[in-house]
Amino acid sequence: CVVDPGETAPVIDILEREALTLDTIL
């Protein structure tokens, strides 16, 4: 889950780098 994604690229970077699945956003 990520909280308050004011920017897209940093989130995509860590999700792809660590093979994570974005389930929820708060």
mmCIF file of all heavy atoms, coordinates in Angstrom:
data_MODEL
# 
_entry.id   MODEL 
# 
loop_
_atom_site.group_PDB 
_atom_site.id 
_atom_site.type_symbol 
_atom_site.label_atom_id 
_atom_site.label_alt_id 
_atom_site.label_comp_id 
_atom_site.label_asym_id 
_atom_site.label_entity_id 
_atom_site.label_seq_id 
_atom_site.pdbx_PDB_ins_code 
_atom_site.Cartn_x 
_atom_site.Cartn_y 
_atom_site.Cartn_z 
_atom_site.occupancy 
_atom_site.B_iso_or_equiv 
_atom_site.pdbx_formal_charge 
_atom_site.auth_seq_id 
_atom_site.auth_comp_id 
_atom_site.auth_asym_id 
_atom_site.auth_atom_id 
_atom_site.pdbx_PDB_model_num 
ATOM 1   N N   . CYS A 1 1  ? 0.865  -1.183 0.000   1.00 0.00 ? 1  CYS A N   1 
ATOM 2   C CA  . CYS A 1 1  ? 0.000  0.000  0.000   1.00 0.00 ? 1  CYS A CA  1 
ATOM 3   C C   . CYS A 1 1  ? 0.898  1.228  0.000   1.00 0.00 ? 1  CYS A C   1 
ATOM 4   O O   . CYS A 1 1  ? 1.969  1.219  0.630   1.00 0.00 ? 1  CYS A O   1 
ATOM 5   C CB  . CYS A 1 1  ? -0.890 -0.018 1.237   1.00 0.00 ? 1  CYS A CB  1 
ATOM 6   S SG  . CYS A 1 1  ? -1.831 1.507  1.553   1.00 0.00 ? 1  CYS A SG  1 
ATOM 7   N N   . VAL A 1 2  ? 0.492  2.279  -0.693  1.00 0.00 ? 2  VAL A N   1 
ATOM 8   C CA  . VAL A 1 2  ? 1.212  3.543  -0.603  1.00 0.00 ? 2  VAL A CA  1 
ATOM 9   C C   . VAL A 1 2  ? 0.260  4.631  -0.127  1.00 0.00 ? 2  VAL A C   1 
ATOM 10  O O   . VAL A 1 2  ? -0.951 4.566  -0.354  1.00 0.00 ? 2  VAL A O   1 
ATOM 11  C CB  . VAL A 1 2  ? 1.865  3.963  -1.937  1.00 0.00 ? 2  VAL A CB  1 
ATOM 12  C CG1 . VAL A 1 2  ? 2.931  2.964  -2.354  1.00 0.00 ? 2  VAL A CG1 1 
ATOM 13  C CG2 . VAL A 1 2  ? 0.841  4.170  -3.031  1.00 0.00 ? 2  VAL A CG2 1 
ATOM 14  N N   . VAL A 1 3  ? 0.829  5.616  0.555   1.00 0.00 ? 3  VAL A N   1 
ATOM 15  C CA  . VAL A 1 3  ? 0.053  6.700  1.141   1.00 0.00 ? 3  VAL A CA  1 
ATOM 16  C C   . VAL A 1 3  ? 0.427  8.017  0.461   1.00 0.00 ? 3  VAL A C   1 
ATOM 17  O O   . VAL A 1 3  ? 1.601  8.384  0.405   1.00 0.00 ? 3  VAL A O   1 
ATOM 18  C CB  . VAL A 1 3  ? 0.302  6.807  2.660   1.00 0.00 ? 3  VAL A CB  1 
ATOM 19  C CG1 . VAL A 1 3  ? -0.596 7.895  3.271   1.00 0.00 ? 3  VAL A CG1 1 
ATOM 20  C CG2 . VAL A 1 3  ? 0.081  5.469  3.343   1.00 0.00 ? 3  VAL A CG2 1 
ATOM 21  N N   . ASP A 1 4  ? -0.576 8.716  -0.055  1.00 0.00 ? 4  ASP A N   1 
ATOM 22  C CA  . ASP A 1 4  ? -0.425 10.050 -0.636  1.00 0.00 ? 4  ASP A CA  1 
ATOM 23  C C   . ASP A 1 4  ? 0.628  10.112 -1.749  1.00 0.00 ? 4  ASP A C   1 
ATOM 24  O O   . ASP A 1 4  ? 1.638  10.813 -1.640  1.00 0.00 ? 4  ASP A O   1 
ATOM 25  C CB  . ASP A 1 4  ? -0.089 11.064 0.460   1.00 0.00 ? 4  ASP A CB  1 
ATOM 26  C CG  . ASP A 1 4  ? -1.281 11.447 1.304   1.00 0.00 ? 4  ASP A CG  1 
ATOM 27  O OD1 . ASP A 1 4  ? -2.416 11.123 0.909   1.00 0.00 ? 4  ASP A OD1 1 
ATOM 28  O OD2 . ASP A 1 4  ? -1.083 12.062 2.374   1.00 0.00 ? 4  ASP A OD2 1 
ATOM 29  N N   . PRO A 1 5  ? 0.375  9.415  -2.861  1.00 0.00 ? 5  PRO A N   1 
ATOM 30  C CA  . PRO A 1 5  ? 1.337  9.446  -3.974  1.00 0.00 ? 5  PRO A CA  1 
ATOM 31  C C   . PRO A 1 5  ? 1.243  10.746 -4.770  1.00 0.00 ? 5  PRO A C   1 
ATOM 32  O O   . PRO A 1 5  ? 0.507  10.848 -5.752  1.00 0.00 ? 5  PRO A O   1 
ATOM 33  C CB  . PRO A 1 5  ? 0.916  8.240  -4.820  1.00 0.00 ? 5  PRO A CB  1 
ATOM 34  C CG  . PRO A 1 5  ? -0.558 8.119  -4.592  1.00 0.00 ? 5  PRO A CG  1 
ATOM 35  C CD  . PRO A 1 5  ? -0.772 8.527  -3.160  1.00 0.00 ? 5  PRO A CD  1 
ATOM 36  N N   . GLY A 1 6  ? 2.005  11.720 -4.367  1.00 0.00 ? 6  GLY A N   1 
ATOM 37  C CA  . GLY A 1 6  ? 2.007  12.991 -5.074  1.00 0.00 ? 6  GLY A CA  1 
ATOM 38  C C   . GLY A 1 6  ? 2.754  12.946 -6.384  1.00 0.00 ? 6  GLY A C   1 
ATOM 39  O O   . GLY A 1 6  ? 2.653  13.870 -7.193  1.00 0.00 ? 6  GLY A O   1 
ATOM 40  N N   . GLU A 1 7  ? 3.507  11.881 -6.599  1.00 0.00 ? 7  GLU A N   1 
ATOM 41  C CA  . GLU A 1 7  ? 4.309  11.729 -7.801  1.00 0.00 ? 7  GLU A CA  1 
ATOM 42  C C   . GLU A 1 7  ? 4.289  10.261 -8.197  1.00 0.00 ? 7  GLU A C   1 
ATOM 43  O O   . GLU A 1 7  ? 4.247  9.370  -7.337  1.00 0.00 ? 7  GLU A O   1 
ATOM 44  C CB  . GLU A 1 7  ? 5.735  12.214 -7.539  1.00 0.00 ? 7  GLU A CB  1 
ATOM 45  C CG  . GLU A 1 7  ? 6.586  12.368 -8.756  1.00 0.00 ? 7  GLU A CG  1 
ATOM 46  C CD  . GLU A 1 7  ? 7.958  12.956 -8.443  1.00 0.00 ? 7  GLU A CD  1 
ATOM 47  O OE1 . GLU A 1 7  ? 8.323  13.053 -7.256  1.00 0.00 ? 7  GLU A OE1 1 
ATOM 48  O OE2 . GLU A 1 7  ? 8.662  13.314 -9.406  1.00 0.00 ? 7  GLU A OE2 1 
ATOM 49  N N   . THR A 1 8  ? 4.336  9.994  -9.497  1.00 0.00 ? 8  THR A N   1 
ATOM 50  C CA  . THR A 1 8  ? 4.216  8.632  -9.990  1.00 0.00 ? 8  THR A CA  1 
ATOM 51  C C   . THR A 1 8  ? 5.550  7.888  -10.049 1.00 0.00 ? 8  THR A C   1 
ATOM 52  O O   . THR A 1 8  ? 5.659  6.745  -9.586  1.00 0.00 ? 8  THR A O   1 
ATOM 53  C CB  . THR A 1 8  ? 3.608  8.637  -11.410 1.00 0.00 ? 8  THR A CB  1 
ATOM 54  O OG1 . THR A 1 8  ? 2.380  9.351  -11.399 1.00 0.00 ? 8  THR A OG1 1 
ATOM 55  C CG2 . THR A 1 8  ? 3.366  7.221  -11.891 1.00 0.00 ? 8  THR A CG2 1 
ATOM 56  N N   . ALA A 1 9  ? 6.568  8.510  -10.618 1.00 0.00 ? 9  ALA A N   1 
ATOM 57  C CA  . ALA A 1 9  ? 7.817  7.810  -10.942 1.00 0.00 ? 9  ALA A CA  1 
ATOM 58  C C   . ALA A 1 9  ? 8.481  7.132  -9.746  1.00 0.00 ? 9  ALA A C   1 
ATOM 59  O O   . ALA A 1 9  ? 8.920  5.982  -9.858  1.00 0.00 ? 9  ALA A O   1 
ATOM 60  C CB  . ALA A 1 9  ? 8.792  8.771  -11.625 1.00 0.00 ? 9  ALA A CB  1 
ATOM 61  N N   . PRO A 1 10 ? 8.587  7.784  -8.581  1.00 0.00 ? 10 PRO A N   1 
ATOM 62  C CA  . PRO A 1 10 ? 9.259  7.110  -7.464  1.00 0.00 ? 10 PRO A CA  1 
ATOM 63  C C   . PRO A 1 10 ? 8.535  5.852  -7.005  1.00 0.00 ? 10 PRO A C   1 
ATOM 64  O O   . PRO A 1 10 ? 9.173  4.885  -6.561  1.00 0.00 ? 10 PRO A O   1 
ATOM 65  C CB  . PRO A 1 10 ? 9.264  8.173  -6.358  1.00 0.00 ? 10 PRO A CB  1 
ATOM 66  C CG  . PRO A 1 10 ? 9.079  9.469  -7.047  1.00 0.00 ? 10 PRO A CG  1 
ATOM 67  C CD  . PRO A 1 10 ? 8.220  9.169  -8.232  1.00 0.00 ? 10 PRO A CD  1 
ATOM 68  N N   . VAL A 1 11 ? 7.201  5.851  -7.105  1.00 0.00 ? 11 VAL A N   1 
ATOM 69  C CA  . VAL A 1 11 ? 6.429  4.670  -6.716  1.00 0.00 ? 11 VAL A CA  1 
ATOM 70  C C   . VAL A 1 11 ? 6.660  3.542  -7.716  1.00 0.00 ? 11 VAL A C   1 
ATOM 71  O O   . VAL A 1 11 ? 6.934  2.391  -7.327  1.00 0.00 ? 11 VAL A O   1 
ATOM 72  C CB  . VAL A 1 11 ? 4.921  5.003  -6.616  1.00 0.00 ? 11 VAL A CB  1 
ATOM 73  C CG1 . VAL A 1 11 ? 4.127  3.748  -6.281  1.00 0.00 ? 11 VAL A CG1 1 
ATOM 74  C CG2 . VAL A 1 11 ? 4.682  6.086  -5.577  1.00 0.00 ? 11 VAL A CG2 1 
ATOM 75  N N   . ILE A 1 12 ? 6.559  3.852  -9.002  1.00 0.00 ? 12 ILE A N   1 
ATOM 76  C CA  . ILE A 1 12 ? 6.787  2.826  -10.020 1.00 0.00 ? 12 ILE A CA  1 
ATOM 77  C C   . ILE A 1 12 ? 8.195  2.242  -9.886  1.00 0.00 ? 12 ILE A C   1 
ATOM 78  O O   . ILE A 1 12 ? 8.402  1.030  -10.007 1.00 0.00 ? 12 ILE A O   1 
ATOM 79  C CB  . ILE A 1 12 ? 6.574  3.406  -11.432 1.00 0.00 ? 12 ILE A CB  1 
ATOM 80  C CG1 . ILE A 1 12 ? 5.098  3.757  -11.632 1.00 0.00 ? 12 ILE A CG1 1 
ATOM 81  C CG2 . ILE A 1 12 ? 7.054  2.430  -12.501 1.00 0.00 ? 12 ILE A CG2 1 
ATOM 82  C CD1 . ILE A 1 12 ? 4.803  4.415  -12.971 1.00 0.00 ? 12 ILE A CD1 1 
ATOM 83  N N   . ASP A 1 13 ? 9.161  3.086  -9.606  1.00 0.00 ? 13 ASP A N   1 
ATOM 84  C CA  . ASP A 1 13 ? 10.545 2.636  -9.505  1.00 0.00 ? 13 ASP A CA  1 
ATOM 85  C C   . ASP A 1 13 ? 10.717 1.565  -8.436  1.00 0.00 ? 13 ASP A C   1 
ATOM 86  O O   . ASP A 1 13 ? 11.306 0.506  -8.689  1.00 0.00 ? 13 ASP A O   1 
ATOM 87  C CB  . ASP A 1 13 ? 11.456 3.832  -9.209  1.00 0.00 ? 13 ASP A CB  1 
ATOM 88  C CG  . ASP A 1 13 ? 12.912 3.426  -9.098  1.00 0.00 ? 13 ASP A CG  1 
ATOM 89  O OD1 . ASP A 1 13 ? 13.485 2.966  -10.098 1.00 0.00 ? 13 ASP A OD1 1 
ATOM 90  O OD2 . ASP A 1 13 ? 13.481 3.560  -7.993  1.00 0.00 ? 13 ASP A OD2 1 
ATOM 91  N N   . ILE A 1 14 ? 10.180 1.800  -7.236  1.00 0.00 ? 14 ILE A N   1 
ATOM 92  C CA  . ILE A 1 14 ? 10.359 0.823  -6.173  1.00 0.00 ? 14 ILE A CA  1 
ATOM 93  C C   . ILE A 1 14 ? 9.503  -0.419 -6.397  1.00 0.00 ? 14 ILE A C   1 
ATOM 94  O O   . ILE A 1 14 ? 9.913  -1.538 -6.091  1.00 0.00 ? 14 ILE A O   1 
ATOM 95  C CB  . ILE A 1 14 ? 10.085 1.448  -4.781  1.00 0.00 ? 14 ILE A CB  1 
ATOM 96  C CG1 . ILE A 1 14 ? 10.589 0.515  -3.675  1.00 0.00 ? 14 ILE A CG1 1 
ATOM 97  C CG2 . ILE A 1 14 ? 8.619  1.781  -4.590  1.00 0.00 ? 14 ILE A CG2 1 
ATOM 98  C CD1 . ILE A 1 14 ? 10.587 1.158  -2.299  1.00 0.00 ? 14 ILE A CD1 1 
ATOM 99  N N   . LEU A 1 15 ? 8.311  -0.237 -6.982  1.00 0.00 ? 15 LEU A N   1 
ATOM 100 C CA  . LEU A 1 15 ? 7.473  -1.399 -7.269  1.00 0.00 ? 15 LEU A CA  1 
ATOM 101 C C   . LEU A 1 15 ? 8.148  -2.322 -8.277  1.00 0.00 ? 15 LEU A C   1 
ATOM 102 O O   . LEU A 1 15 ? 8.182  -3.559 -8.097  1.00 0.00 ? 15 LEU A O   1 
ATOM 103 C CB  . LEU A 1 15 ? 6.115  -0.946 -7.813  1.00 0.00 ? 15 LEU A CB  1 
ATOM 104 C CG  . LEU A 1 15 ? 5.189  -0.205 -6.861  1.00 0.00 ? 15 LEU A CG  1 
ATOM 105 C CD1 . LEU A 1 15 ? 3.935  0.236  -7.595  1.00 0.00 ? 15 LEU A CD1 1 
ATOM 106 C CD2 . LEU A 1 15 ? 4.823  -1.046 -5.649  1.00 0.00 ? 15 LEU A CD2 1 
ATOM 107 N N   . GLU A 1 16 ? 8.711  -1.753 -9.329  1.00 0.00 ? 16 GLU A N   1 
ATOM 108 C CA  . GLU A 1 16 ? 9.344  -2.561 -10.363 1.00 0.00 ? 16 GLU A CA  1 
ATOM 109 C C   . GLU A 1 16 ? 10.665 -3.148 -9.871  1.00 0.00 ? 16 GLU A C   1 
ATOM 110 O O   . GLU A 1 16 ? 10.988 -4.312 -10.162 1.00 0.00 ? 16 GLU A O   1 
ATOM 111 C CB  . GLU A 1 16 ? 9.574  -1.710 -11.612 1.00 0.00 ? 16 GLU A CB  1 
ATOM 112 C CG  . GLU A 1 16 ? 8.305  -1.120 -12.211 1.00 0.00 ? 16 GLU A CG  1 
ATOM 113 C CD  . GLU A 1 16 ? 7.323  -2.182 -12.673 1.00 0.00 ? 16 GLU A CD  1 
ATOM 114 O OE1 . GLU A 1 16 ? 7.747  -3.147 -13.316 1.00 0.00 ? 16 GLU A OE1 1 
ATOM 115 O OE2 . GLU A 1 16 ? 6.113  -2.039 -12.367 1.00 0.00 ? 16 GLU A OE2 1 
ATOM 116 N N   . ARG A 1 17 ? 11.418 -2.364 -9.138  1.00 0.00 ? 17 ARG A N   1 
ATOM 117 C CA  . ARG A 1 17 ? 12.725 -2.822 -8.667  1.00 0.00 ? 17 ARG A CA  1 
ATOM 118 C C   . ARG A 1 17 ? 12.608 -3.996 -7.707  1.00 0.00 ? 17 ARG A C   1 
ATOM 119 O O   . ARG A 1 17 ? 13.432 -4.922 -7.718  1.00 0.00 ? 17 ARG A O   1 
ATOM 120 C CB  . ARG A 1 17 ? 13.467 -1.663 -7.995  1.00 0.00 ? 17 ARG A CB  1 
ATOM 121 C CG  . ARG A 1 17 ? 14.904 -1.992 -7.600  1.00 0.00 ? 17 ARG A CG  1 
ATOM 122 C CD  . ARG A 1 17 ? 15.629 -0.771 -7.090  1.00 0.00 ? 17 ARG A CD  1 
ATOM 123 N NE  . ARG A 1 17 ? 15.126 -0.291 -5.824  1.00 0.00 ? 17 ARG A NE  1 
ATOM 124 C CZ  . ARG A 1 17 ? 14.485 0.861  -5.665  1.00 0.00 ? 17 ARG A CZ  1 
ATOM 125 N NH1 . ARG A 1 17 ? 14.242 1.639  -6.708  1.00 0.00 ? 17 ARG A NH1 1 
ATOM 126 N NH2 . ARG A 1 17 ? 14.071 1.243  -4.466  1.00 0.00 ? 17 ARG A NH2 1 
ATOM 127 N N   . GLU A 1 18 ? 11.559 -3.975 -6.860  1.00 0.00 ? 18 GLU A N   1 
ATOM 128 C CA  . GLU A 1 18 ? 11.403 -5.020 -5.848  1.00 0.00 ? 18 GLU A CA  1 
ATOM 129 C C   . GLU A 1 18 ? 10.287 -6.002 -6.181  1.00 0.00 ? 18 GLU A C   1 
ATOM 130 O O   . GLU A 1 18 ? 9.914  -6.821 -5.343  1.00 0.00 ? 18 GLU A O   1 
ATOM 131 C CB  . GLU A 1 18 ? 11.167 -4.380 -4.480  1.00 0.00 ? 18 GLU A CB  1 
ATOM 132 C CG  . GLU A 1 18 ? 12.313 -3.463 -4.053  1.00 0.00 ? 18 GLU A CG  1 
ATOM 133 C CD  . GLU A 1 18 ? 12.210 -3.026 -2.597  1.00 0.00 ? 18 GLU A CD  1 
ATOM 134 O OE1 . GLU A 1 18 ? 11.504 -3.708 -1.816  1.00 0.00 ? 18 GLU A OE1 1 
ATOM 135 O OE2 . GLU A 1 18 ? 12.842 -2.002 -2.252  1.00 0.00 ? 18 GLU A OE2 1 
ATOM 136 N N   . ALA A 1 19 ? 9.767  -5.924 -7.396  1.00 0.00 ? 19 ALA A N   1 
ATOM 137 C CA  . ALA A 1 19 ? 8.713  -6.842 -7.862  1.00 0.00 ? 19 ALA A CA  1 
ATOM 138 C C   . ALA A 1 19 ? 7.528  -6.874 -6.904  1.00 0.00 ? 19 ALA A C   1 
ATOM 139 O O   . ALA A 1 19 ? 7.045  -7.929 -6.498  1.00 0.00 ? 19 ALA A O   1 
ATOM 140 C CB  . ALA A 1 19 ? 9.284  -8.251 -8.055  1.00 0.00 ? 19 ALA A CB  1 
ATOM 141 N N   . LEU A 1 20 ? 7.044  -5.678 -6.551  1.00 0.00 ? 20 LEU A N   1 
ATOM 142 C CA  . LEU A 1 20 ? 5.926  -5.542 -5.634  1.00 0.00 ? 20 LEU A CA  1 
ATOM 143 C C   . LEU A 1 20 ? 4.633  -5.301 -6.402  1.00 0.00 ? 20 LEU A C   1 
ATOM 144 O O   . LEU A 1 20 ? 4.649  -4.795 -7.521  1.00 0.00 ? 20 LEU A O   1 
ATOM 145 C CB  . LEU A 1 20 ? 6.178  -4.378 -4.667  1.00 0.00 ? 20 LEU A CB  1 
ATOM 146 C CG  . LEU A 1 20 ? 7.442  -4.465 -3.816  1.00 0.00 ? 20 LEU A CG  1 
ATOM 147 C CD1 . LEU A 1 20 ? 7.659  -3.176 -3.043  1.00 0.00 ? 20 LEU A CD1 1 
ATOM 148 C CD2 . LEU A 1 20 ? 7.383  -5.663 -2.873  1.00 0.00 ? 20 LEU A CD2 1 
ATOM 149 N N   . THR A 1 21 ? 3.516  -5.635 -5.763  1.00 0.00 ? 21 THR A N   1 
ATOM 150 C CA  . THR A 1 21 ? 2.193  -5.437 -6.347  1.00 0.00 ? 21 THR A CA  1 
ATOM 151 C C   . THR A 1 21 ? 1.471  -4.334 -5.576  1.00 0.00 ? 21 THR A C   1 
ATOM 152 O O   . THR A 1 21 ? 1.291  -4.447 -4.357  1.00 0.00 ? 21 THR A O   1 
ATOM 153 C CB  . THR A 1 21 ? 1.360  -6.726 -6.287  1.00 0.00 ? 21 THR A CB  1 
ATOM 154 O OG1 . THR A 1 21 ? 2.033  -7.754 -7.013  1.00 0.00 ? 21 THR A OG1 1 
ATOM 155 C CG2 . THR A 1 21 ? -0.022 -6.507 -6.884  1.00 0.00 ? 21 THR A CG2 1 
ATOM 156 N N   . LEU A 1 22 ? 1.056  -3.290 -6.269  1.00 0.00 ? 22 LEU A N   1 
ATOM 157 C CA  . LEU A 1 22 ? 0.344  -2.196 -5.615  1.00 0.00 ? 22 LEU A CA  1 
ATOM 158 C C   . LEU A 1 22 ? -1.109 -2.600 -5.397  1.00 0.00 ? 22 LEU A C   1 
ATOM 159 O O   . LEU A 1 22 ? -1.900 -2.644 -6.342  1.00 0.00 ? 22 LEU A O   1 
ATOM 160 C CB  . LEU A 1 22 ? 0.436  -0.917 -6.445  1.00 0.00 ? 22 LEU A CB  1 
ATOM 161 C CG  . LEU A 1 22 ? -0.231 0.318  -5.827  1.00 0.00 ? 22 LEU A CG  1 
ATOM 162 C CD1 . LEU A 1 22 ? 0.357  0.642  -4.464  1.00 0.00 ? 22 LEU A CD1 1 
ATOM 163 C CD2 . LEU A 1 22 ? -0.097 1.517  -6.762  1.00 0.00 ? 22 LEU A CD2 1 
ATOM 164 N N   . ASP A 1 23 ? -1.440 -2.874 -4.156  1.00 0.00 ? 23 ASP A N   1 
ATOM 165 C CA  . ASP A 1 23 ? -2.778 -3.361 -3.808  1.00 0.00 ? 23 ASP A CA  1 
ATOM 166 C C   . ASP A 1 23 ? -3.717 -2.214 -3.423  1.00 0.00 ? 23 ASP A C   1 
ATOM 167 O O   . ASP A 1 23 ? -4.887 -2.220 -3.788  1.00 0.00 ? 23 ASP A O   1 
ATOM 168 C CB  . ASP A 1 23 ? -2.671 -4.348 -2.650  1.00 0.00 ? 23 ASP A CB  1 
ATOM 169 C CG  . ASP A 1 23 ? -4.018 -4.868 -2.184  1.00 0.00 ? 23 ASP A CG  1 
ATOM 170 O OD1 . ASP A 1 23 ? -4.550 -5.783 -2.832  1.00 0.00 ? 23 ASP A OD1 1 
ATOM 171 O OD2 . ASP A 1 23 ? -4.551 -4.341 -1.169  1.00 0.00 ? 23 ASP A OD2 1 
ATOM 172 N N   . THR A 1 24 ? -3.198 -1.233 -2.666  1.00 0.00 ? 24 THR A N   1 
ATOM 173 C CA  . THR A 1 24 ? -4.058 -0.191 -2.088  1.00 0.00 ? 24 THR A CA  1 
ATOM 174 C C   . THR A 1 24 ? -3.323 1.138  -2.069  1.00 0.00 ? 24 THR A C   1 
ATOM 175 O O   . THR A 1 24 ? -2.099 1.190  -1.905  1.00 0.00 ? 24 THR A O   1 
ATOM 176 C CB  . THR A 1 24 ? -4.459 -0.566 -0.641  1.00 0.00 ? 24 THR A CB  1 
ATOM 177 O OG1 . THR A 1 24 ? -5.084 -1.843 -0.639  1.00 0.00 ? 24 THR A OG1 1 
ATOM 178 C CG2 . THR A 1 24 ? -5.413 0.465  -0.045  1.00 0.00 ? 24 THR A CG2 1 
ATOM 179 N N   . ILE A 1 25 ? -4.084 2.212  -2.218  1.00 0.00 ? 25 ILE A N   1 
ATOM 180 C CA  . ILE A 1 25 ? -3.569 3.574  -2.036  1.00 0.00 ? 25 ILE A CA  1 
ATOM 181 C C   . ILE A 1 25 ? -4.437 4.270  -0.995  1.00 0.00 ? 25 ILE A C   1 
ATOM 182 O O   . ILE A 1 25 ? -5.670 4.225  -1.069  1.00 0.00 ? 25 ILE A O   1 
ATOM 183 C CB  . ILE A 1 25 ? -3.601 4.369  -3.355  1.00 0.00 ? 25 ILE A CB  1 
ATOM 184 C CG1 . ILE A 1 25 ? -2.657 3.752  -4.394  1.00 0.00 ? 25 ILE A CG1 1 
ATOM 185 C CG2 . ILE A 1 25 ? -3.227 5.835  -3.112  1.00 0.00 ? 25 ILE A CG2 1 
ATOM 186 C CD1 . ILE A 1 25 ? -2.729 4.417  -5.763  1.00 0.00 ? 25 ILE A CD1 1 
ATOM 187 N N   . LEU A 1 26 ? -3.800 4.914  -0.033  1.00 0.00 ? 26 LEU A N   1 
ATOM 188 C CA  . LEU A 1 26 ? -4.494 5.742  0.957   1.00 0.00 ? 26 LEU A CA  1 
ATOM 189 C C   . LEU A 1 26 ? -4.254 7.212  0.631   1.00 0.00 ? 26 LEU A C   1 
ATOM 190 O O   . LEU A 1 26 ? -3.122 7.607  0.332   1.00 0.00 ? 26 LEU A O   1 
ATOM 191 C CB  . LEU A 1 26 ? -3.989 5.458  2.373   1.00 0.00 ? 26 LEU A CB  1 
ATOM 192 C CG  . LEU A 1 26 ? -4.197 4.069  2.962   1.00 0.00 ? 26 LEU A CG  1 
ATOM 193 C CD1 . LEU A 1 26 ? -3.650 4.018  4.381   1.00 0.00 ? 26 LEU A CD1 1 
ATOM 194 C CD2 . LEU A 1 26 ? -5.669 3.683  2.950   1.00 0.00 ? 26 LEU A CD2 1 
# 
